[in-house]
Amino acid sequence: DLAARVRRAAPDGYDVHLDTSGHGVLADAVDSLARGGRLVAMVGLGTGPSALSVGALYTNDASIVGFAISNATTADLAEAARGVVDVLTATPWRPRIADRLPLSEAAEAHRRLEAGEVRGRLVLTPS
């Protein structure tokens, strides 16, 4: 299961758990946090169990915070954008381009994507 794999990969726990789906088991996330770790809830709770042991949080100096992008100010968004730009320019990140096709073959590109035949990005170029 995922929680066991996470514990094997990070036996001391991890610093931040971002819940972006609302379908995870939050208790497993709390149990996998490092001392002082944070669980960030970014969506409403889905179908997963949401009961948490408060003891598991405070005895590990851990915390839960909520985040809703709709509450961000213009300054918050600008700061976040600068952070993203900094990471993208400082990291040798390159998207995996599977193929380049002329724009006239957009239907073929969609067919390949929908069929699951592509690993990476298809780039459409003006004909």
N, C-alpha and C. Protein backbone atom coordinates (compact mmCIF):
# COMPACT_ATOMS: atom_id res chain seq x y z
N ASP A 1 0.83 -1.19 0.00
CA ASP A 1 0.00 0.00 0.00
C ASP A 1 0.87 1.25 0.00
N LEU A 2 0.28 2.38 -0.36
CA LEU A 2 1.04 3.62 -0.52
C LEU A 2 1.70 4.06 0.77
N ALA A 3 0.99 4.00 1.88
CA ALA A 3 1.56 4.45 3.16
C ALA A 3 2.81 3.66 3.51
N ALA A 4 2.79 2.35 3.29
CA ALA A 4 3.96 1.52 3.59
C ALA A 4 5.13 1.87 2.68
N ARG A 5 4.86 2.13 1.41
CA ARG A 5 5.93 2.51 0.48
C ARG A 5 6.54 3.85 0.87
N VAL A 6 5.70 4.78 1.30
CA VAL A 6 6.20 6.09 1.72
C VAL A 6 7.09 5.92 2.94
N ARG A 7 6.67 5.10 3.90
CA ARG A 7 7.48 4.89 5.11
C ARG A 7 8.82 4.26 4.76
N ARG A 8 8.84 3.34 3.79
CA ARG A 8 10.11 2.74 3.38
C ARG A 8 11.01 3.77 2.70
N ALA A 9 10.43 4.64 1.89
CA ALA A 9 11.21 5.65 1.16
C ALA A 9 11.71 6.75 2.08
N ALA A 10 10.93 7.09 3.10
CA ALA A 10 11.30 8.18 4.02
C ALA A 10 11.04 7.70 5.45
N PRO A 11 11.93 6.85 5.99
CA PRO A 11 11.68 6.28 7.31
C PRO A 11 11.56 7.31 8.43
N ASP A 12 12.16 8.47 8.26
CA ASP A 12 12.06 9.53 9.27
C ASP A 12 10.87 10.45 9.00
N GLY A 13 10.09 10.13 7.98
CA GLY A 13 8.94 10.94 7.63
C GLY A 13 9.31 12.03 6.64
N TYR A 14 8.31 12.73 6.17
CA TYR A 14 8.56 13.82 5.24
C TYR A 14 8.00 15.11 5.83
N ASP A 15 8.50 16.22 5.31
CA ASP A 15 8.21 17.53 5.90
C ASP A 15 6.83 18.06 5.55
N VAL A 16 6.39 17.83 4.33
CA VAL A 16 5.11 18.40 3.89
C VAL A 16 4.34 17.36 3.09
N HIS A 17 3.07 17.24 3.39
CA HIS A 17 2.17 16.39 2.61
C HIS A 17 1.12 17.32 2.01
N LEU A 18 1.07 17.38 0.69
CA LEU A 18 0.07 18.21 0.01
C LEU A 18 -1.08 17.32 -0.42
N ASP A 19 -2.24 17.51 0.17
CA ASP A 19 -3.42 16.74 -0.22
C ASP A 19 -4.14 17.52 -1.30
N THR A 20 -3.92 17.12 -2.55
CA THR A 20 -4.52 17.84 -3.67
C THR A 20 -5.70 17.10 -4.27
N SER A 21 -6.03 15.91 -3.73
CA SER A 21 -7.14 15.16 -4.31
C SER A 21 -8.34 15.02 -3.38
N GLY A 22 -8.10 15.01 -2.07
CA GLY A 22 -9.19 14.81 -1.13
C GLY A 22 -9.61 13.37 -0.99
N HIS A 23 -8.90 12.46 -1.63
CA HIS A 23 -9.28 11.05 -1.59
C HIS A 23 -8.32 10.20 -0.77
N GLY A 24 -7.27 10.79 -0.24
CA GLY A 24 -6.31 10.02 0.54
C GLY A 24 -6.79 9.77 1.95
N VAL A 25 -6.08 8.92 2.65
CA VAL A 25 -6.37 8.65 4.05
C VAL A 25 -5.50 9.61 4.86
N LEU A 26 -6.13 10.65 5.40
CA LEU A 26 -5.37 11.69 6.09
C LEU A 26 -4.63 11.14 7.30
N ALA A 27 -5.17 10.14 7.98
CA ALA A 27 -4.48 9.56 9.14
C ALA A 27 -3.14 8.96 8.71
N ASP A 28 -3.09 8.32 7.54
CA ASP A 28 -1.82 7.78 7.03
C ASP A 28 -0.84 8.91 6.74
N ALA A 29 -1.35 10.01 6.20
CA ALA A 29 -0.49 11.16 5.91
C ALA A 29 0.10 11.72 7.20
N VAL A 30 -0.71 11.85 8.23
CA VAL A 30 -0.23 12.37 9.52
C VAL A 30 0.83 11.43 10.08
N ASP A 31 0.59 10.12 10.01
CA ASP A 31 1.54 9.15 10.54
C ASP A 31 2.86 9.16 9.78
N SER A 32 2.86 9.65 8.54
CA SER A 32 4.07 9.67 7.72
C SER A 32 4.85 10.98 7.82
N LEU A 33 4.35 11.95 8.57
CA LEU A 33 5.03 13.24 8.69
C LEU A 33 6.26 13.13 9.59
N ALA A 34 7.29 13.87 9.25
CA ALA A 34 8.46 14.00 10.11
C ALA A 34 8.11 14.92 11.28
N ARG A 35 8.96 14.94 12.28
CA ARG A 35 8.75 15.86 13.40
C ARG A 35 8.65 17.28 12.85
N GLY A 36 7.60 17.98 13.23
CA GLY A 36 7.39 19.34 12.75
C GLY A 36 6.79 19.42 11.36
N GLY A 37 6.38 18.28 10.80
CA GLY A 37 5.83 18.25 9.45
C GLY A 37 4.47 18.93 9.36
N ARG A 38 4.07 19.22 8.13
CA ARG A 38 2.78 19.89 7.90
C ARG A 38 1.97 19.12 6.88
N LEU A 39 0.70 19.00 7.15
CA LEU A 39 -0.27 18.46 6.21
C LEU A 39 -1.02 19.66 5.65
N VAL A 40 -0.96 19.85 4.34
CA VAL A 40 -1.64 20.98 3.70
C VAL A 40 -2.84 20.44 2.93
N ALA A 41 -4.04 20.80 3.39
CA ALA A 41 -5.28 20.39 2.73
C ALA A 41 -5.65 21.46 1.71
N MET A 42 -5.66 21.07 0.44
CA MET A 42 -5.91 22.03 -0.63
C MET A 42 -7.26 21.81 -1.31
N VAL A 43 -7.99 20.79 -0.90
CA VAL A 43 -9.31 20.49 -1.46
C VAL A 43 -10.21 20.01 -0.35
N GLY A 44 -11.49 19.94 -0.64
CA GLY A 44 -12.43 19.39 0.34
C GLY A 44 -12.18 17.90 0.51
N LEU A 45 -12.63 17.38 1.61
CA LEU A 45 -12.45 15.95 1.85
C LEU A 45 -13.30 15.16 0.88
N GLY A 46 -12.72 14.12 0.33
CA GLY A 46 -13.44 13.26 -0.59
C GLY A 46 -14.03 12.07 0.14
N THR A 47 -13.83 10.91 -0.40
CA THR A 47 -14.44 9.71 0.16
C THR A 47 -13.57 9.05 1.22
N GLY A 48 -12.32 9.45 1.34
CA GLY A 48 -11.42 8.82 2.31
C GLY A 48 -11.78 9.19 3.73
N PRO A 49 -11.39 8.34 4.69
CA PRO A 49 -11.67 8.65 6.09
C PRO A 49 -10.99 9.96 6.49
N SER A 50 -11.69 10.77 7.26
CA SER A 50 -11.12 12.07 7.62
C SER A 50 -10.82 12.18 9.12
N ALA A 51 -11.16 11.17 9.91
CA ALA A 51 -10.89 11.25 11.35
C ALA A 51 -9.38 11.20 11.58
N LEU A 52 -8.90 12.11 12.39
CA LEU A 52 -7.47 12.18 12.69
C LEU A 52 -7.26 12.11 14.19
N SER A 53 -6.15 11.50 14.57
CA SER A 53 -5.77 11.48 15.97
C SER A 53 -5.03 12.77 16.27
N VAL A 54 -5.61 13.59 17.12
CA VAL A 54 -4.95 14.84 17.50
C VAL A 54 -3.63 14.54 18.18
N GLY A 55 -3.59 13.46 18.93
CA GLY A 55 -2.35 13.08 19.61
C GLY A 55 -1.20 12.85 18.65
N ALA A 56 -1.48 12.26 17.49
CA ALA A 56 -0.43 12.02 16.50
C ALA A 56 0.13 13.33 15.97
N LEU A 57 -0.65 14.39 16.02
CA LEU A 57 -0.18 15.69 15.55
C LEU A 57 0.67 16.38 16.61
N TYR A 58 0.09 16.60 17.79
CA TYR A 58 0.80 17.44 18.76
C TYR A 58 2.01 16.75 19.37
N THR A 59 2.02 15.42 19.46
CA THR A 59 3.21 14.76 20.02
C THR A 59 4.37 14.76 19.04
N ASN A 60 4.11 15.10 17.80
CA ASN A 60 5.16 15.16 16.79
C ASN A 60 5.39 16.59 16.30
N ASP A 61 4.83 17.56 17.02
CA ASP A 61 4.95 18.97 16.62
C ASP A 61 4.49 19.20 15.18
N ALA A 62 3.53 18.41 14.73
CA ALA A 62 3.03 18.51 13.36
C ALA A 62 1.81 19.41 13.33
N SER A 63 1.42 19.82 12.12
CA SER A 63 0.27 20.71 12.00
C SER A 63 -0.48 20.44 10.70
N ILE A 64 -1.72 20.88 10.68
CA ILE A 64 -2.54 20.83 9.47
C ILE A 64 -2.90 22.26 9.12
N VAL A 65 -2.72 22.61 7.86
CA VAL A 65 -3.11 23.94 7.40
C VAL A 65 -3.99 23.77 6.17
N GLY A 66 -4.86 24.72 5.97
CA GLY A 66 -5.69 24.72 4.78
C GLY A 66 -5.16 25.74 3.80
N PHE A 67 -5.42 25.51 2.52
CA PHE A 67 -4.99 26.45 1.49
C PHE A 67 -6.05 26.49 0.41
N ALA A 68 -6.52 27.67 0.10
CA ALA A 68 -7.46 27.87 -1.00
C ALA A 68 -6.93 29.00 -1.87
N ILE A 69 -6.63 28.71 -3.11
CA ILE A 69 -6.06 29.71 -4.01
C ILE A 69 -6.97 30.92 -4.12
N SER A 70 -8.27 30.73 -3.94
CA SER A 70 -9.20 31.85 -4.06
C SER A 70 -9.02 32.87 -2.94
N ASN A 71 -8.33 32.50 -1.87
CA ASN A 71 -8.06 33.44 -0.78
C ASN A 71 -6.77 34.22 -0.99
N ALA A 72 -5.99 33.86 -1.99
CA ALA A 72 -4.70 34.52 -2.21
C ALA A 72 -4.90 35.93 -2.75
N THR A 73 -4.06 36.84 -2.28
CA THR A 73 -4.09 38.21 -2.79
C THR A 73 -3.27 38.29 -4.07
N THR A 74 -3.36 39.41 -4.74
CA THR A 74 -2.55 39.62 -5.94
C THR A 74 -1.08 39.52 -5.60
N ALA A 75 -0.68 40.08 -4.46
CA ALA A 75 0.72 40.01 -4.03
C ALA A 75 1.13 38.56 -3.76
N ASP A 76 0.24 37.77 -3.13
CA ASP A 76 0.53 36.35 -2.89
C ASP A 76 0.76 35.62 -4.21
N LEU A 77 -0.11 35.86 -5.18
CA LEU A 77 0.01 35.19 -6.47
C LEU A 77 1.29 35.61 -7.20
N ALA A 78 1.64 36.88 -7.11
CA ALA A 78 2.87 37.37 -7.75
C ALA A 78 4.09 36.71 -7.12
N GLU A 79 4.09 36.60 -5.79
CA GLU A 79 5.21 35.97 -5.09
C GLU A 79 5.32 34.49 -5.48
N ALA A 80 4.18 33.81 -5.55
CA ALA A 80 4.19 32.40 -5.95
C ALA A 80 4.70 32.24 -7.38
N ALA A 81 4.29 33.13 -8.26
CA ALA A 81 4.74 33.07 -9.65
C ALA A 81 6.25 33.27 -9.74
N ARG A 82 6.78 34.20 -8.94
CA ARG A 82 8.24 34.40 -8.92
C ARG A 82 8.94 33.13 -8.44
N GLY A 83 8.38 32.49 -7.44
CA GLY A 83 8.96 31.25 -6.93
C GLY A 83 8.97 30.15 -7.98
N VAL A 84 7.89 30.03 -8.72
CA VAL A 84 7.82 29.02 -9.78
C VAL A 84 8.84 29.33 -10.86
N VAL A 85 8.93 30.58 -11.26
CA VAL A 85 9.91 30.97 -12.28
C VAL A 85 11.32 30.68 -11.80
N ASP A 86 11.62 31.00 -10.54
CA ASP A 86 12.95 30.73 -9.99
C ASP A 86 13.29 29.24 -10.06
N VAL A 87 12.34 28.40 -9.67
CA VAL A 87 12.59 26.95 -9.70
C VAL A 87 12.79 26.47 -11.13
N LEU A 88 11.93 26.93 -12.03
CA LEU A 88 12.03 26.46 -13.41
C LEU A 88 13.30 26.94 -14.10
N THR A 89 13.78 28.13 -13.76
CA THR A 89 15.01 28.61 -14.41
C THR A 89 16.26 28.05 -13.75
N ALA A 90 16.19 27.65 -12.49
CA ALA A 90 17.37 27.14 -11.79
C ALA A 90 17.50 25.63 -11.89
N THR A 91 16.49 24.96 -12.38
CA THR A 91 16.49 23.50 -12.43
C THR A 91 16.61 23.05 -13.88
N PRO A 92 17.47 22.06 -14.12
CA PRO A 92 17.59 21.57 -15.50
C PRO A 92 16.40 20.69 -15.87
N TRP A 93 15.23 21.31 -15.87
CA TRP A 93 13.98 20.60 -16.19
C TRP A 93 13.66 20.78 -17.65
N ARG A 94 13.37 19.70 -18.28
CA ARG A 94 12.97 19.77 -19.68
C ARG A 94 11.77 18.84 -19.88
N PRO A 95 10.73 19.34 -20.49
CA PRO A 95 9.58 18.46 -20.73
C PRO A 95 9.97 17.35 -21.72
N ARG A 96 9.40 16.20 -21.55
CA ARG A 96 9.66 15.09 -22.47
C ARG A 96 8.77 15.29 -23.69
N ILE A 97 9.40 15.54 -24.82
CA ILE A 97 8.65 15.73 -26.07
C ILE A 97 8.66 14.41 -26.82
N ALA A 98 7.49 13.82 -26.96
CA ALA A 98 7.37 12.53 -27.63
C ALA A 98 7.43 12.68 -29.15
N ASP A 99 6.85 13.77 -29.65
CA ASP A 99 6.80 13.95 -31.10
C ASP A 99 6.39 15.38 -31.42
N ARG A 100 6.75 15.82 -32.61
CA ARG A 100 6.33 17.12 -33.13
C ARG A 100 5.52 16.84 -34.39
N LEU A 101 4.36 17.47 -34.44
CA LEU A 101 3.47 17.27 -35.59
C LEU A 101 3.04 18.62 -36.13
N PRO A 102 2.78 18.70 -37.44
CA PRO A 102 2.23 19.95 -37.97
C PRO A 102 0.82 20.16 -37.42
N LEU A 103 0.44 21.41 -37.28
CA LEU A 103 -0.88 21.76 -36.75
C LEU A 103 -2.00 21.07 -37.53
N SER A 104 -1.77 20.85 -38.81
CA SER A 104 -2.79 20.19 -39.63
C SER A 104 -3.07 18.75 -39.18
N GLU A 105 -2.20 18.19 -38.33
CA GLU A 105 -2.40 16.82 -37.82
C GLU A 105 -2.89 16.82 -36.37
N ALA A 106 -3.58 17.88 -35.97
CA ALA A 106 -4.09 17.98 -34.60
C ALA A 106 -5.03 16.82 -34.27
N ALA A 107 -5.85 16.41 -35.23
CA ALA A 107 -6.78 15.30 -34.98
C ALA A 107 -6.00 14.02 -34.68
N GLU A 108 -4.93 13.78 -35.41
CA GLU A 108 -4.08 12.60 -35.16
C GLU A 108 -3.43 12.68 -33.79
N ALA A 109 -3.01 13.87 -33.41
CA ALA A 109 -2.42 14.05 -32.08
C ALA A 109 -3.44 13.69 -31.00
N HIS A 110 -4.66 14.17 -31.14
CA HIS A 110 -5.72 13.84 -30.18
C HIS A 110 -5.98 12.34 -30.15
N ARG A 111 -6.03 11.72 -31.31
CA ARG A 111 -6.27 10.28 -31.36
C ARG A 111 -5.20 9.53 -30.58
N ARG A 112 -3.93 9.91 -30.80
CA ARG A 112 -2.82 9.24 -30.11
C ARG A 112 -2.88 9.45 -28.61
N LEU A 113 -3.21 10.68 -28.20
CA LEU A 113 -3.31 10.97 -26.76
C LEU A 113 -4.44 10.16 -26.13
N GLU A 114 -5.61 10.18 -26.77
CA GLU A 114 -6.77 9.49 -26.22
C GLU A 114 -6.58 7.98 -26.20
N ALA A 115 -5.78 7.45 -27.11
CA ALA A 115 -5.51 6.01 -27.16
C ALA A 115 -4.42 5.62 -26.16
N GLY A 116 -3.82 6.61 -25.51
CA GLY A 116 -2.76 6.31 -24.54
C GLY A 116 -1.46 5.88 -25.19
N GLU A 117 -1.23 6.28 -26.42
CA GLU A 117 -0.04 5.87 -27.15
C GLU A 117 1.16 6.78 -26.92
N VAL A 118 0.98 7.84 -26.14
CA VAL A 118 2.03 8.85 -26.02
C VAL A 118 2.55 8.92 -24.58
N ARG A 119 3.86 8.89 -24.44
CA ARG A 119 4.49 9.16 -23.15
C ARG A 119 5.29 10.45 -23.34
N GLY A 120 4.79 11.51 -22.80
CA GLY A 120 5.41 12.81 -22.99
C GLY A 120 4.43 13.76 -23.67
N ARG A 121 4.97 14.79 -24.26
CA ARG A 121 4.15 15.83 -24.89
C ARG A 121 4.20 15.71 -26.41
N LEU A 122 3.09 16.04 -27.01
CA LEU A 122 3.05 16.21 -28.45
C LEU A 122 3.04 17.70 -28.71
N VAL A 123 3.94 18.15 -29.55
CA VAL A 123 4.04 19.58 -29.86
C VAL A 123 3.49 19.79 -31.26
N LEU A 124 2.50 20.67 -31.36
CA LEU A 124 1.94 21.01 -32.66
C LEU A 124 2.62 22.28 -33.15
N THR A 125 3.13 22.24 -34.37
CA THR A 125 3.83 23.40 -34.93
C THR A 125 3.01 23.97 -36.08
N PRO A 126 3.03 25.29 -36.25
CA PRO A 126 2.28 25.89 -37.36
C PRO A 126 2.75 25.31 -38.68
N SER A 127 1.79 25.01 -39.54
CA SER A 127 2.11 24.41 -40.85
C SER A 127 2.71 25.43 -41.78
